[in-house]
Amino acid sequence: MALVPENSPDRAGGHLRPHALTPPIRIPVGLVVLVGPPASGKTSFVRALVERRQVDAEAVVSSDEIRTELLGASAEPADSDAADAADARIFEERDRRIVARLAAGLSVIAESTNVAARARERLIALARRFGAPVTVLRFAPDVADLLQQYTERGRTDLTEVDVRAYAAVMSRDAGADRLRAEGAAAIHDVPGRRQSVTPAEAAARFTFALCRPAGR
């Protein structure tokens, strides 16, 4: 068993946390789809993965980051037609980046809410083009924790009603059986505040294969 440093977050009061003794879950090369409402911890989790050098920053394709790149941090479409056009442009660019990595035999993490079946269907179709397995990482804090995280982050692009609505869609449409039926090869729940687990500790529970072996 690998030694855990004294200053590791996997130690509490000098004692190992129980999860520190559990081998990390191995995520195979392919498409990793994050599923969770806004403020559920997806961005903090992938940031921890990058900071811990478990994945390269380029492996994370975030629709929010692409929105900022294309439209600017404060850009707001003037009307619904403009908003629809902006969304189409953002997700076309997201898909392009995902396809580029899958075509090169590299893993890619799709970071957006993906609580609706139609959003996941689009991603899974991309993975099927390259015979890449789909792993779903679910972020499902209870509503009280979700709203507390939303308040702490001070988001102004969404209301509490919006966050509750995303959570309701996830509860209805993103259960494990539904995700398997859609084509997910594996589904893992990512722990968070409810389990007293920090993003860094959650990241440590996974290990990622980043590229296919040569000749495959």
N, C-alpha and C. Protein backbone atom coordinates (compact mmCIF):
# COMPACT_ATOMS: atom_id res chain seq x y z
N MET A 1 0.85 -1.19 0.00
CA MET A 1 0.00 0.00 0.00
C MET A 1 0.88 1.24 0.00
N ALA A 2 0.54 2.22 -0.81
CA ALA A 2 1.32 3.45 -0.88
C ALA A 2 1.21 4.21 0.43
N LEU A 3 2.32 4.83 0.84
CA LEU A 3 2.32 5.62 2.05
C LEU A 3 1.58 6.93 1.81
N VAL A 4 0.86 7.41 2.82
CA VAL A 4 0.14 8.67 2.74
C VAL A 4 0.86 9.68 3.61
N PRO A 5 1.34 10.80 3.05
CA PRO A 5 2.10 11.77 3.84
C PRO A 5 1.30 12.29 5.03
N GLU A 6 2.05 12.70 6.09
CA GLU A 6 1.40 13.20 7.30
C GLU A 6 0.52 14.40 7.03
N ASN A 7 0.91 15.24 6.04
CA ASN A 7 0.13 16.45 5.76
C ASN A 7 -0.92 16.26 4.68
N SER A 8 -1.18 15.01 4.29
CA SER A 8 -2.15 14.74 3.24
C SER A 8 -3.56 15.03 3.73
N PRO A 9 -4.44 15.52 2.85
CA PRO A 9 -5.85 15.68 3.24
C PRO A 9 -6.53 14.36 3.52
N ASP A 10 -5.87 13.25 3.17
CA ASP A 10 -6.44 11.95 3.48
C ASP A 10 -6.19 11.53 4.92
N ARG A 11 -5.51 12.41 5.68
CA ARG A 11 -5.34 12.17 7.10
C ARG A 11 -6.16 13.20 7.87
N ALA A 12 -6.82 12.77 8.92
CA ALA A 12 -7.59 13.66 9.79
C ALA A 12 -7.16 13.40 11.22
N GLY A 13 -6.62 14.42 11.88
CA GLY A 13 -6.17 14.24 13.26
C GLY A 13 -5.07 13.21 13.37
N GLY A 14 -4.26 13.08 12.30
CA GLY A 14 -3.16 12.12 12.33
C GLY A 14 -3.56 10.72 11.94
N HIS A 15 -4.84 10.49 11.70
CA HIS A 15 -5.33 9.16 11.34
C HIS A 15 -5.79 9.14 9.89
N LEU A 16 -5.62 8.01 9.23
CA LEU A 16 -6.07 7.89 7.85
C LEU A 16 -7.58 7.92 7.77
N ARG A 17 -8.09 8.69 6.80
CA ARG A 17 -9.52 8.59 6.51
C ARG A 17 -9.78 7.22 5.89
N PRO A 18 -10.98 6.66 6.08
CA PRO A 18 -11.26 5.33 5.53
C PRO A 18 -11.05 5.23 4.03
N HIS A 19 -11.40 6.29 3.26
CA HIS A 19 -11.28 6.19 1.81
C HIS A 19 -9.84 6.15 1.36
N ALA A 20 -8.88 6.60 2.23
CA ALA A 20 -7.47 6.60 1.83
C ALA A 20 -6.94 5.19 1.66
N LEU A 21 -7.63 4.20 2.25
CA LEU A 21 -7.20 2.82 2.15
C LEU A 21 -7.83 2.11 0.97
N THR A 22 -8.73 2.78 0.26
CA THR A 22 -9.44 2.19 -0.86
C THR A 22 -8.71 2.51 -2.16
N PRO A 23 -8.43 1.49 -2.99
CA PRO A 23 -7.76 1.79 -4.27
C PRO A 23 -8.61 2.74 -5.09
N PRO A 24 -7.97 3.67 -5.80
CA PRO A 24 -8.75 4.61 -6.61
C PRO A 24 -9.48 3.91 -7.75
N ILE A 25 -10.57 4.49 -8.17
CA ILE A 25 -11.35 3.96 -9.29
C ILE A 25 -10.65 4.35 -10.58
N ARG A 26 -10.39 3.39 -11.43
CA ARG A 26 -9.69 3.66 -12.68
C ARG A 26 -10.69 4.00 -13.77
N ILE A 27 -10.49 5.15 -14.40
CA ILE A 27 -11.34 5.59 -15.50
C ILE A 27 -10.60 5.31 -16.80
N PRO A 28 -11.17 4.51 -17.70
CA PRO A 28 -10.46 4.16 -18.93
C PRO A 28 -10.40 5.31 -19.92
N VAL A 29 -9.55 5.16 -20.91
CA VAL A 29 -9.47 6.16 -21.98
C VAL A 29 -10.83 6.23 -22.68
N GLY A 30 -11.30 7.43 -22.90
CA GLY A 30 -12.58 7.60 -23.58
C GLY A 30 -13.21 8.92 -23.19
N LEU A 31 -14.52 8.96 -23.25
CA LEU A 31 -15.27 10.17 -22.92
C LEU A 31 -15.79 10.08 -21.50
N VAL A 32 -15.47 11.10 -20.71
CA VAL A 32 -15.98 11.19 -19.34
C VAL A 32 -17.01 12.30 -19.32
N VAL A 33 -18.24 11.96 -18.98
CA VAL A 33 -19.34 12.92 -18.97
C VAL A 33 -19.67 13.26 -17.52
N LEU A 34 -19.52 14.52 -17.16
CA LEU A 34 -19.93 14.98 -15.84
C LEU A 34 -21.42 15.30 -15.88
N VAL A 35 -22.13 14.86 -14.87
CA VAL A 35 -23.59 15.08 -14.80
C VAL A 35 -23.91 15.66 -13.43
N GLY A 36 -24.45 16.87 -13.42
CA GLY A 36 -24.81 17.48 -12.15
C GLY A 36 -25.35 18.88 -12.34
N PRO A 37 -26.21 19.34 -11.44
CA PRO A 37 -26.77 20.69 -11.54
C PRO A 37 -25.69 21.75 -11.38
N PRO A 38 -25.98 22.99 -11.74
CA PRO A 38 -25.04 24.08 -11.43
C PRO A 38 -24.77 24.12 -9.93
N ALA A 39 -23.53 24.44 -9.55
CA ALA A 39 -23.10 24.57 -8.15
C ALA A 39 -22.98 23.22 -7.44
N SER A 40 -22.98 22.13 -8.19
CA SER A 40 -22.88 20.81 -7.55
C SER A 40 -21.43 20.37 -7.33
N GLY A 41 -20.46 21.14 -7.83
CA GLY A 41 -19.06 20.83 -7.56
C GLY A 41 -18.26 20.32 -8.73
N LYS A 42 -18.82 20.35 -9.94
CA LYS A 42 -18.12 19.80 -11.10
C LYS A 42 -16.83 20.58 -11.41
N THR A 43 -16.94 21.90 -11.43
CA THR A 43 -15.77 22.72 -11.77
C THR A 43 -14.68 22.59 -10.71
N SER A 44 -15.05 22.58 -9.45
CA SER A 44 -14.06 22.41 -8.38
C SER A 44 -13.37 21.06 -8.49
N PHE A 45 -14.11 20.05 -8.87
CA PHE A 45 -13.55 18.70 -9.02
C PHE A 45 -12.54 18.66 -10.16
N VAL A 46 -12.91 19.17 -11.34
CA VAL A 46 -11.96 19.10 -12.46
C VAL A 46 -10.77 20.02 -12.22
N ARG A 47 -10.98 21.13 -11.53
CA ARG A 47 -9.85 21.99 -11.19
C ARG A 47 -8.87 21.22 -10.30
N ALA A 48 -9.41 20.44 -9.35
CA ALA A 48 -8.54 19.63 -8.49
C ALA A 48 -7.80 18.57 -9.30
N LEU A 49 -8.48 17.97 -10.27
CA LEU A 49 -7.81 16.97 -11.12
C LEU A 49 -6.61 17.60 -11.84
N VAL A 50 -6.81 18.80 -12.36
CA VAL A 50 -5.73 19.47 -13.09
C VAL A 50 -4.61 19.88 -12.13
N GLU A 51 -4.97 20.45 -10.99
CA GLU A 51 -3.97 20.89 -10.03
C GLU A 51 -3.14 19.73 -9.49
N ARG A 52 -3.78 18.57 -9.36
CA ARG A 52 -3.07 17.37 -8.88
C ARG A 52 -2.33 16.65 -10.02
N ARG A 53 -2.44 17.19 -11.23
CA ARG A 53 -1.81 16.63 -12.42
C ARG A 53 -2.31 15.21 -12.73
N GLN A 54 -3.56 14.98 -12.40
CA GLN A 54 -4.18 13.72 -12.78
C GLN A 54 -4.64 13.75 -14.24
N VAL A 55 -4.98 14.94 -14.71
CA VAL A 55 -5.31 15.14 -16.12
C VAL A 55 -4.69 16.46 -16.57
N ASP A 56 -4.48 16.60 -17.88
CA ASP A 56 -4.04 17.87 -18.44
C ASP A 56 -5.23 18.82 -18.54
N ALA A 57 -4.94 20.11 -18.47
CA ALA A 57 -6.02 21.09 -18.61
C ALA A 57 -6.75 20.93 -19.94
N GLU A 58 -6.02 20.52 -20.98
CA GLU A 58 -6.63 20.38 -22.31
C GLU A 58 -7.62 19.21 -22.37
N ALA A 59 -7.55 18.32 -21.39
CA ALA A 59 -8.47 17.18 -21.37
C ALA A 59 -9.87 17.58 -20.93
N VAL A 60 -9.99 18.75 -20.31
CA VAL A 60 -11.29 19.23 -19.82
C VAL A 60 -11.89 20.18 -20.84
N VAL A 61 -13.06 19.84 -21.35
CA VAL A 61 -13.76 20.71 -22.30
C VAL A 61 -15.01 21.23 -21.59
N SER A 62 -14.97 22.50 -21.25
CA SER A 62 -16.02 23.13 -20.45
C SER A 62 -16.86 24.06 -21.31
N SER A 63 -18.16 23.85 -21.33
CA SER A 63 -19.03 24.73 -22.11
C SER A 63 -19.02 26.14 -21.54
N ASP A 64 -18.91 26.28 -20.21
CA ASP A 64 -18.86 27.62 -19.63
C ASP A 64 -17.60 28.36 -20.06
N GLU A 65 -16.47 27.67 -20.08
CA GLU A 65 -15.23 28.32 -20.50
C GLU A 65 -15.28 28.70 -21.98
N ILE A 66 -15.88 27.84 -22.78
CA ILE A 66 -16.01 28.17 -24.21
C ILE A 66 -16.92 29.37 -24.38
N ARG A 67 -17.98 29.44 -23.60
CA ARG A 67 -18.89 30.60 -23.66
C ARG A 67 -18.11 31.89 -23.39
N THR A 68 -17.26 31.86 -22.36
CA THR A 68 -16.48 33.04 -22.02
C THR A 68 -15.49 33.37 -23.13
N GLU A 69 -14.85 32.35 -23.69
CA GLU A 69 -13.90 32.57 -24.79
C GLU A 69 -14.57 33.23 -25.99
N LEU A 70 -15.76 32.75 -26.33
CA LEU A 70 -16.42 33.21 -27.55
C LEU A 70 -17.21 34.49 -27.37
N LEU A 71 -17.80 34.66 -26.18
CA LEU A 71 -18.74 35.77 -25.99
C LEU A 71 -18.26 36.81 -24.99
N GLY A 72 -17.24 36.48 -24.20
CA GLY A 72 -16.80 37.39 -23.15
C GLY A 72 -17.50 37.10 -21.85
N ALA A 73 -16.88 37.53 -20.76
CA ALA A 73 -17.39 37.20 -19.43
C ALA A 73 -18.75 37.79 -19.14
N SER A 74 -19.05 38.97 -19.70
CA SER A 74 -20.31 39.65 -19.35
C SER A 74 -21.28 39.73 -20.52
N ALA A 75 -20.99 39.00 -21.59
CA ALA A 75 -21.86 39.08 -22.77
C ALA A 75 -23.21 38.43 -22.51
N GLU A 76 -24.29 39.12 -22.82
CA GLU A 76 -25.64 38.60 -22.68
C GLU A 76 -26.35 38.78 -24.01
N PRO A 77 -26.79 37.68 -24.65
CA PRO A 77 -27.52 37.83 -25.90
C PRO A 77 -28.74 38.73 -25.73
N ALA A 78 -29.03 39.50 -26.76
CA ALA A 78 -30.09 40.50 -26.66
C ALA A 78 -31.48 39.89 -26.63
N ASP A 79 -31.69 38.74 -27.27
CA ASP A 79 -33.01 38.14 -27.31
C ASP A 79 -32.87 36.63 -27.41
N SER A 80 -34.00 35.94 -27.44
CA SER A 80 -33.97 34.47 -27.43
C SER A 80 -33.33 33.90 -28.68
N ASP A 81 -33.56 34.52 -29.83
CA ASP A 81 -32.94 34.04 -31.06
C ASP A 81 -31.42 34.15 -30.98
N ALA A 82 -30.93 35.28 -30.46
CA ALA A 82 -29.49 35.47 -30.30
C ALA A 82 -28.93 34.48 -29.30
N ALA A 83 -29.69 34.22 -28.24
CA ALA A 83 -29.24 33.26 -27.22
C ALA A 83 -29.14 31.86 -27.82
N ASP A 84 -30.12 31.48 -28.63
CA ASP A 84 -30.09 30.16 -29.27
C ASP A 84 -28.90 30.05 -30.21
N ALA A 85 -28.63 31.11 -30.96
CA ALA A 85 -27.50 31.10 -31.88
C ALA A 85 -26.18 31.00 -31.13
N ALA A 86 -26.09 31.70 -29.99
CA ALA A 86 -24.88 31.64 -29.18
C ALA A 86 -24.68 30.23 -28.62
N ASP A 87 -25.75 29.63 -28.13
CA ASP A 87 -25.65 28.27 -27.60
C ASP A 87 -25.20 27.29 -28.68
N ALA A 88 -25.76 27.44 -29.88
CA ALA A 88 -25.38 26.54 -30.98
C ALA A 88 -23.90 26.67 -31.29
N ARG A 89 -23.41 27.88 -31.30
CA ARG A 89 -21.99 28.12 -31.58
C ARG A 89 -21.11 27.52 -30.49
N ILE A 90 -21.51 27.68 -29.24
CA ILE A 90 -20.74 27.16 -28.11
C ILE A 90 -20.66 25.64 -28.16
N PHE A 91 -21.79 24.98 -28.39
CA PHE A 91 -21.78 23.52 -28.34
C PHE A 91 -21.18 22.91 -29.60
N GLU A 92 -21.23 23.62 -30.71
CA GLU A 92 -20.49 23.16 -31.89
C GLU A 92 -18.98 23.17 -31.63
N GLU A 93 -18.51 24.22 -30.97
CA GLU A 93 -17.09 24.29 -30.62
C GLU A 93 -16.73 23.23 -29.59
N ARG A 94 -17.61 23.04 -28.62
CA ARG A 94 -17.36 21.97 -27.64
C ARG A 94 -17.22 20.62 -28.33
N ASP A 95 -18.16 20.32 -29.22
CA ASP A 95 -18.12 19.04 -29.91
C ASP A 95 -16.84 18.90 -30.74
N ARG A 96 -16.42 19.99 -31.38
CA ARG A 96 -15.21 19.95 -32.19
C ARG A 96 -14.00 19.56 -31.34
N ARG A 97 -13.91 20.14 -30.15
CA ARG A 97 -12.77 19.85 -29.27
C ARG A 97 -12.83 18.41 -28.75
N ILE A 98 -14.02 17.94 -28.45
CA ILE A 98 -14.17 16.55 -27.98
C ILE A 98 -13.77 15.58 -29.09
N VAL A 99 -14.26 15.83 -30.30
CA VAL A 99 -13.95 14.95 -31.43
C VAL A 99 -12.44 14.93 -31.68
N ALA A 100 -11.79 16.08 -31.60
CA ALA A 100 -10.34 16.13 -31.85
C ALA A 100 -9.58 15.23 -30.88
N ARG A 101 -9.98 15.22 -29.63
CA ARG A 101 -9.28 14.39 -28.65
C ARG A 101 -9.61 12.91 -28.84
N LEU A 102 -10.87 12.59 -29.05
CA LEU A 102 -11.24 11.19 -29.25
C LEU A 102 -10.58 10.63 -30.50
N ALA A 103 -10.51 11.42 -31.57
CA ALA A 103 -9.88 10.96 -32.81
C ALA A 103 -8.39 10.68 -32.60
N ALA A 104 -7.78 11.40 -31.66
CA ALA A 104 -6.37 11.21 -31.38
C ALA A 104 -6.12 10.12 -30.35
N GLY A 105 -7.18 9.44 -29.91
CA GLY A 105 -7.03 8.38 -28.91
C GLY A 105 -6.80 8.89 -27.51
N LEU A 106 -7.25 10.13 -27.23
CA LEU A 106 -7.05 10.75 -25.92
C LEU A 106 -8.36 10.81 -25.15
N SER A 107 -8.24 10.78 -23.84
CA SER A 107 -9.41 10.96 -23.00
C SER A 107 -9.86 12.41 -23.02
N VAL A 108 -11.14 12.62 -22.77
CA VAL A 108 -11.68 13.98 -22.71
C VAL A 108 -12.81 14.00 -21.69
N ILE A 109 -12.86 15.08 -20.92
CA ILE A 109 -13.87 15.26 -19.89
C ILE A 109 -14.83 16.35 -20.34
N ALA A 110 -16.10 16.02 -20.50
CA ALA A 110 -17.13 16.97 -20.92
C ALA A 110 -17.75 17.60 -19.68
N GLU A 111 -17.39 18.86 -19.44
CA GLU A 111 -17.88 19.55 -18.25
C GLU A 111 -19.01 20.51 -18.61
N SER A 112 -20.22 20.05 -18.40
CA SER A 112 -21.42 20.89 -18.46
C SER A 112 -22.44 20.18 -17.60
N THR A 113 -23.65 20.72 -17.47
CA THR A 113 -24.59 20.10 -16.54
C THR A 113 -25.00 18.70 -16.98
N ASN A 114 -25.39 18.53 -18.24
CA ASN A 114 -25.72 17.22 -18.81
C ASN A 114 -26.78 16.46 -18.00
N VAL A 115 -27.68 17.20 -17.34
CA VAL A 115 -28.72 16.51 -16.57
C VAL A 115 -29.85 16.02 -17.46
N ALA A 116 -30.01 16.61 -18.65
CA ALA A 116 -31.08 16.21 -19.56
C ALA A 116 -30.59 15.12 -20.51
N ALA A 117 -31.47 14.19 -20.81
CA ALA A 117 -31.10 13.06 -21.67
C ALA A 117 -30.62 13.53 -23.03
N ARG A 118 -31.25 14.55 -23.60
CA ARG A 118 -30.86 15.00 -24.95
C ARG A 118 -29.43 15.53 -24.97
N ALA A 119 -28.98 16.14 -23.88
CA ALA A 119 -27.60 16.63 -23.82
C ALA A 119 -26.63 15.46 -23.80
N ARG A 120 -26.96 14.44 -23.06
CA ARG A 120 -26.07 13.26 -23.00
C ARG A 120 -26.08 12.48 -24.30
N GLU A 121 -27.22 12.40 -24.95
CA GLU A 121 -27.31 11.67 -26.22
C GLU A 121 -26.34 12.25 -27.25
N ARG A 122 -26.25 13.57 -27.28
CA ARG A 122 -25.33 14.22 -28.22
C ARG A 122 -23.88 13.83 -27.94
N LEU A 123 -23.51 13.80 -26.67
CA LEU A 123 -22.15 13.44 -26.30
C LEU A 123 -21.87 11.96 -26.56
N ILE A 124 -22.80 11.11 -26.19
CA ILE A 124 -22.60 9.67 -26.37
C ILE A 124 -22.48 9.33 -27.85
N ALA A 125 -23.22 10.04 -28.70
CA ALA A 125 -23.11 9.81 -30.15
C ALA A 125 -21.69 10.12 -30.63
N LEU A 126 -21.05 11.14 -30.08
CA LEU A 126 -19.67 11.45 -30.45
C LEU A 126 -18.74 10.31 -30.06
N ALA A 127 -18.91 9.78 -28.86
CA ALA A 127 -18.06 8.69 -28.40
C ALA A 127 -18.23 7.45 -29.27
N ARG A 128 -19.44 7.17 -29.69
CA ARG A 128 -19.70 5.98 -30.50
C ARG A 128 -18.99 6.06 -31.85
N ARG A 129 -18.82 7.25 -32.37
CA ARG A 129 -18.13 7.41 -33.66
C ARG A 129 -16.71 6.86 -33.59
N PHE A 130 -16.12 6.87 -32.40
CA PHE A 130 -14.73 6.44 -32.25
C PHE A 130 -14.60 5.18 -31.41
N GLY A 131 -15.71 4.54 -31.11
CA GLY A 131 -15.67 3.33 -30.29
C GLY A 131 -15.12 3.58 -28.91
N ALA A 132 -15.32 4.78 -28.39
CA ALA A 132 -14.77 5.15 -27.08
C ALA A 132 -15.79 4.86 -25.99
N PRO A 133 -15.37 4.27 -24.88
CA PRO A 133 -16.31 4.04 -23.78
C PRO A 133 -16.71 5.35 -23.12
N VAL A 134 -17.90 5.35 -22.57
CA VAL A 134 -18.42 6.54 -21.88
C VAL A 134 -18.49 6.23 -20.39
N THR A 135 -17.82 7.05 -19.60
CA THR A 135 -17.90 6.98 -18.14
C THR A 135 -18.65 8.20 -17.65
N VAL A 136 -19.66 7.99 -16.81
CA VAL A 136 -20.41 9.10 -16.24
C VAL A 136 -20.00 9.29 -14.78
N LEU A 137 -19.64 10.52 -14.45
CA LEU A 137 -19.40 10.90 -13.06
C LEU A 137 -20.54 11.79 -12.62
N ARG A 138 -21.29 11.32 -11.63
CA ARG A 138 -22.49 12.03 -11.18
C ARG A 138 -22.20 12.88 -9.95
N PHE A 139 -22.74 14.10 -9.97
CA PHE A 139 -22.63 15.02 -8.84
C PHE A 139 -24.05 15.28 -8.37
N ALA A 140 -24.41 14.71 -7.23
CA ALA A 140 -25.81 14.78 -6.80
C ALA A 140 -25.92 15.13 -5.32
N PRO A 141 -25.49 16.35 -4.94
CA PRO A 141 -25.69 16.76 -3.55
C PRO A 141 -27.17 16.92 -3.24
N ASP A 142 -27.53 16.82 -1.96
CA ASP A 142 -28.93 17.07 -1.66
C ASP A 142 -29.22 18.55 -1.89
N VAL A 143 -30.50 18.88 -1.99
CA VAL A 143 -30.88 20.21 -2.42
C VAL A 143 -30.38 21.28 -1.45
N ALA A 144 -30.40 20.99 -0.14
CA ALA A 144 -29.93 21.98 0.83
C ALA A 144 -28.46 22.31 0.61
N ASP A 145 -27.62 21.28 0.41
CA ASP A 145 -26.21 21.52 0.14
C ASP A 145 -26.01 22.24 -1.19
N LEU A 146 -26.79 21.85 -2.18
CA LEU A 146 -26.69 22.47 -3.50
C LEU A 146 -26.99 23.97 -3.41
N LEU A 147 -28.05 24.33 -2.73
CA LEU A 147 -28.41 25.74 -2.62
C LEU A 147 -27.40 26.52 -1.78
N GLN A 148 -26.82 25.87 -0.77
CA GLN A 148 -25.79 26.54 0.02
C GLN A 148 -24.57 26.83 -0.84
N GLN A 149 -24.17 25.84 -1.66
CA GLN A 149 -23.03 26.05 -2.55
C GLN A 149 -23.33 27.13 -3.58
N TYR A 150 -24.54 27.15 -4.08
CA TYR A 150 -24.95 28.18 -5.05
C TYR A 150 -24.85 29.57 -4.41
N THR A 151 -25.31 29.71 -3.17
CA THR A 151 -25.25 30.99 -2.47
C THR A 151 -23.81 31.41 -2.23
N GLU A 152 -22.98 30.48 -1.80
CA GLU A 152 -21.58 30.79 -1.51
C GLU A 152 -20.83 31.27 -2.75
N ARG A 153 -21.19 30.74 -3.89
CA ARG A 153 -20.47 31.08 -5.12
C ARG A 153 -20.96 32.36 -5.76
N GLY A 154 -22.06 32.89 -5.27
CA GLY A 154 -22.52 34.20 -5.72
C GLY A 154 -22.83 34.26 -7.20
N ARG A 155 -23.35 33.20 -7.77
CA ARG A 155 -23.65 33.22 -9.20
C ARG A 155 -24.82 34.14 -9.50
N THR A 156 -24.66 34.92 -10.55
CA THR A 156 -25.71 35.86 -10.94
C THR A 156 -26.39 35.45 -12.24
N ASP A 157 -25.86 34.42 -12.90
CA ASP A 157 -26.44 33.99 -14.18
C ASP A 157 -27.59 33.03 -13.98
N LEU A 158 -27.79 32.58 -12.75
CA LEU A 158 -28.86 31.64 -12.44
C LEU A 158 -29.58 32.07 -11.16
N THR A 159 -30.85 31.71 -11.06
CA THR A 159 -31.60 31.94 -9.83
C THR A 159 -31.71 30.65 -9.04
N GLU A 160 -32.15 30.79 -7.80
CA GLU A 160 -32.39 29.59 -6.98
C GLU A 160 -33.43 28.69 -7.64
N VAL A 161 -34.42 29.29 -8.28
CA VAL A 161 -35.43 28.49 -8.98
C VAL A 161 -34.79 27.68 -10.09
N ASP A 162 -33.86 28.29 -10.83
CA ASP A 162 -33.16 27.57 -11.89
C ASP A 162 -32.40 26.36 -11.33
N VAL A 163 -31.69 26.58 -10.23
CA VAL A 163 -30.89 25.51 -9.64
C VAL A 163 -31.79 24.36 -9.20
N ARG A 164 -32.90 24.70 -8.57
CA ARG A 164 -33.85 23.66 -8.16
C ARG A 164 -34.38 22.89 -9.38
N ALA A 165 -34.63 23.61 -10.46
CA ALA A 165 -35.16 22.96 -11.66
C ALA A 165 -34.14 21.98 -12.24
N TYR A 166 -32.87 22.38 -12.31
CA TYR A 166 -31.83 21.47 -12.78
C TYR A 166 -31.77 20.23 -11.89
N ALA A 167 -31.84 20.42 -10.58
CA ALA A 167 -31.77 19.29 -9.65
C ALA A 167 -32.95 18.35 -9.86
N ALA A 168 -34.13 18.91 -10.13
CA ALA A 168 -35.31 18.08 -10.35
C ALA A 168 -35.17 17.26 -11.63
N VAL A 169 -34.63 17.86 -12.68
CA VAL A 169 -34.42 17.11 -13.93
C VAL A 169 -33.42 15.99 -13.71
N MET A 170 -32.36 16.27 -12.97
CA MET A 170 -31.38 15.22 -12.72
C MET A 170 -32.00 14.08 -11.94
N SER A 171 -32.76 14.41 -10.90
CA SER A 171 -33.39 13.37 -10.09
C SER A 171 -34.31 12.49 -10.93
N ARG A 172 -34.97 13.10 -11.90
CA ARG A 172 -35.94 12.37 -12.73
C ARG A 172 -35.28 11.61 -13.87
N ASP A 173 -34.24 12.21 -14.48
CA ASP A 173 -33.74 11.69 -15.76
C ASP A 173 -32.29 11.20 -15.75
N ALA A 174 -31.63 11.18 -14.60
CA ALA A 174 -30.22 10.79 -14.60
C ALA A 174 -29.91 9.73 -13.56
N GLY A 175 -30.85 8.81 -13.37
CA GLY A 175 -30.58 7.67 -12.50
C GLY A 175 -29.64 6.69 -13.17
N ALA A 176 -29.04 5.81 -12.38
CA ALA A 176 -28.04 4.88 -12.90
C ALA A 176 -28.61 3.99 -14.01
N ASP A 177 -29.82 3.48 -13.84
CA ASP A 177 -30.40 2.60 -14.86
C ASP A 177 -30.60 3.35 -16.17
N ARG A 178 -31.06 4.59 -16.09
CA ARG A 178 -31.27 5.40 -17.29
C ARG A 178 -29.94 5.66 -17.99
N LEU A 179 -28.91 5.97 -17.23
CA LEU A 179 -27.61 6.26 -17.82
C LEU A 179 -27.02 5.02 -18.50
N ARG A 180 -27.19 3.86 -17.90
CA ARG A 180 -26.70 2.63 -18.54
C ARG A 180 -27.46 2.36 -19.84
N ALA A 181 -28.76 2.57 -19.80
CA ALA A 181 -29.57 2.34 -21.00
C ALA A 181 -29.16 3.28 -22.13
N GLU A 182 -28.70 4.46 -21.79
CA GLU A 182 -28.26 5.43 -22.81
C GLU A 182 -26.91 5.07 -23.42
N GLY A 183 -26.15 4.23 -22.70
CA GLY A 183 -24.86 3.82 -23.26
C GLY A 183 -23.66 4.03 -22.37
N ALA A 184 -23.86 4.44 -21.13
CA ALA A 184 -22.73 4.61 -20.21
C ALA A 184 -22.16 3.24 -19.85
N ALA A 185 -20.85 3.10 -19.99
CA ALA A 185 -20.19 1.83 -19.64
C ALA A 185 -19.99 1.73 -18.13
N ALA A 186 -19.83 2.87 -17.47
CA ALA A 186 -19.64 2.89 -16.02
C ALA A 186 -20.18 4.20 -15.48
N ILE A 187 -20.69 4.14 -14.24
CA ILE A 187 -21.27 5.31 -13.57
C ILE A 187 -20.71 5.35 -12.16
N HIS A 188 -20.19 6.51 -11.77
CA HIS A 188 -19.64 6.67 -10.43
C HIS A 188 -20.16 7.97 -9.83
N ASP A 189 -20.58 7.91 -8.57
CA ASP A 189 -21.00 9.11 -7.86
C ASP A 189 -19.77 9.76 -7.22
N VAL A 190 -19.63 11.05 -7.42
CA VAL A 190 -18.51 11.80 -6.86
C VAL A 190 -18.95 12.38 -5.52
N PRO A 191 -18.27 12.05 -4.42
CA PRO A 191 -18.68 12.57 -3.11
C PRO A 191 -18.37 14.05 -2.97
N GLY A 192 -19.04 14.67 -2.01
CA GLY A 192 -18.84 16.09 -1.80
C GLY A 192 -19.13 16.49 -0.37
N ARG A 193 -19.77 17.64 -0.21
CA ARG A 193 -19.99 18.22 1.12
C ARG A 193 -20.77 17.29 2.03
N ARG A 194 -21.77 16.64 1.50
CA ARG A 194 -22.60 15.76 2.34
C ARG A 194 -21.78 14.67 2.98
N GLN A 195 -20.73 14.22 2.29
CA GLN A 195 -19.84 13.18 2.82
C GLN A 195 -18.60 13.76 3.50
N SER A 196 -18.57 15.09 3.66
CA SER A 196 -17.42 15.79 4.25
C SER A 196 -16.15 15.52 3.45
N VAL A 197 -16.28 15.54 2.12
CA VAL A 197 -15.15 15.27 1.22
C VAL A 197 -14.87 16.53 0.42
N THR A 198 -13.62 16.99 0.42
CA THR A 198 -13.23 18.16 -0.35
C THR A 198 -13.05 17.78 -1.82
N PRO A 199 -13.02 18.77 -2.73
CA PRO A 199 -12.76 18.44 -4.14
C PRO A 199 -11.45 17.69 -4.34
N ALA A 200 -10.40 18.07 -3.62
CA ALA A 200 -9.11 17.37 -3.76
C ALA A 200 -9.23 15.93 -3.30
N GLU A 201 -9.95 15.70 -2.22
CA GLU A 201 -10.14 14.33 -1.74
C GLU A 201 -10.98 13.53 -2.72
N ALA A 202 -12.00 14.17 -3.30
CA ALA A 202 -12.81 13.47 -4.30
C ALA A 202 -11.97 13.11 -5.51
N ALA A 203 -11.14 14.04 -5.96
CA ALA A 203 -10.27 13.78 -7.11
C ALA A 203 -9.34 12.61 -6.85
N ALA A 204 -8.86 12.50 -5.63
CA ALA A 204 -7.92 11.44 -5.28
C ALA A 204 -8.55 10.05 -5.35
N ARG A 205 -9.86 9.99 -5.41
CA ARG A 205 -10.53 8.68 -5.47
C ARG A 205 -10.57 8.11 -6.88
N PHE A 206 -10.04 8.86 -7.84
CA PHE A 206 -10.07 8.41 -9.23
C PHE A 206 -8.67 8.48 -9.83
N THR A 207 -8.43 7.62 -10.79
CA THR A 207 -7.23 7.71 -11.61
C THR A 207 -7.65 7.58 -13.05
N PHE A 208 -7.01 8.34 -13.94
CA PHE A 208 -7.45 8.44 -15.33
C PHE A 208 -6.38 7.91 -16.27
N ALA A 209 -6.79 7.00 -17.15
CA ALA A 209 -5.93 6.62 -18.28
C ALA A 209 -6.13 7.69 -19.34
N LEU A 210 -5.05 8.30 -19.81
CA LEU A 210 -5.17 9.50 -20.64
C LEU A 210 -5.09 9.25 -22.13
N CYS A 211 -4.48 8.13 -22.57
CA CYS A 211 -4.39 7.89 -24.00
C CYS A 211 -4.33 6.39 -24.25
N ARG A 212 -4.75 6.00 -25.45
CA ARG A 212 -4.71 4.60 -25.82
C ARG A 212 -3.27 4.16 -26.05
N PRO A 213 -2.96 2.90 -25.70
CA PRO A 213 -1.61 2.39 -26.00
C PRO A 213 -1.36 2.42 -27.50
N ALA A 214 -0.12 2.59 -27.88
CA ALA A 214 0.26 2.62 -29.30
C ALA A 214 -0.16 1.32 -29.97
N GLY A 215 -0.67 1.45 -31.21
CA GLY A 215 -1.05 0.27 -31.98
C GLY A 215 -2.46 -0.18 -31.78
N ARG A 216 -3.22 0.54 -30.93
CA ARG A 216 -4.61 0.15 -30.71
C ARG A 216 -5.56 1.17 -31.33
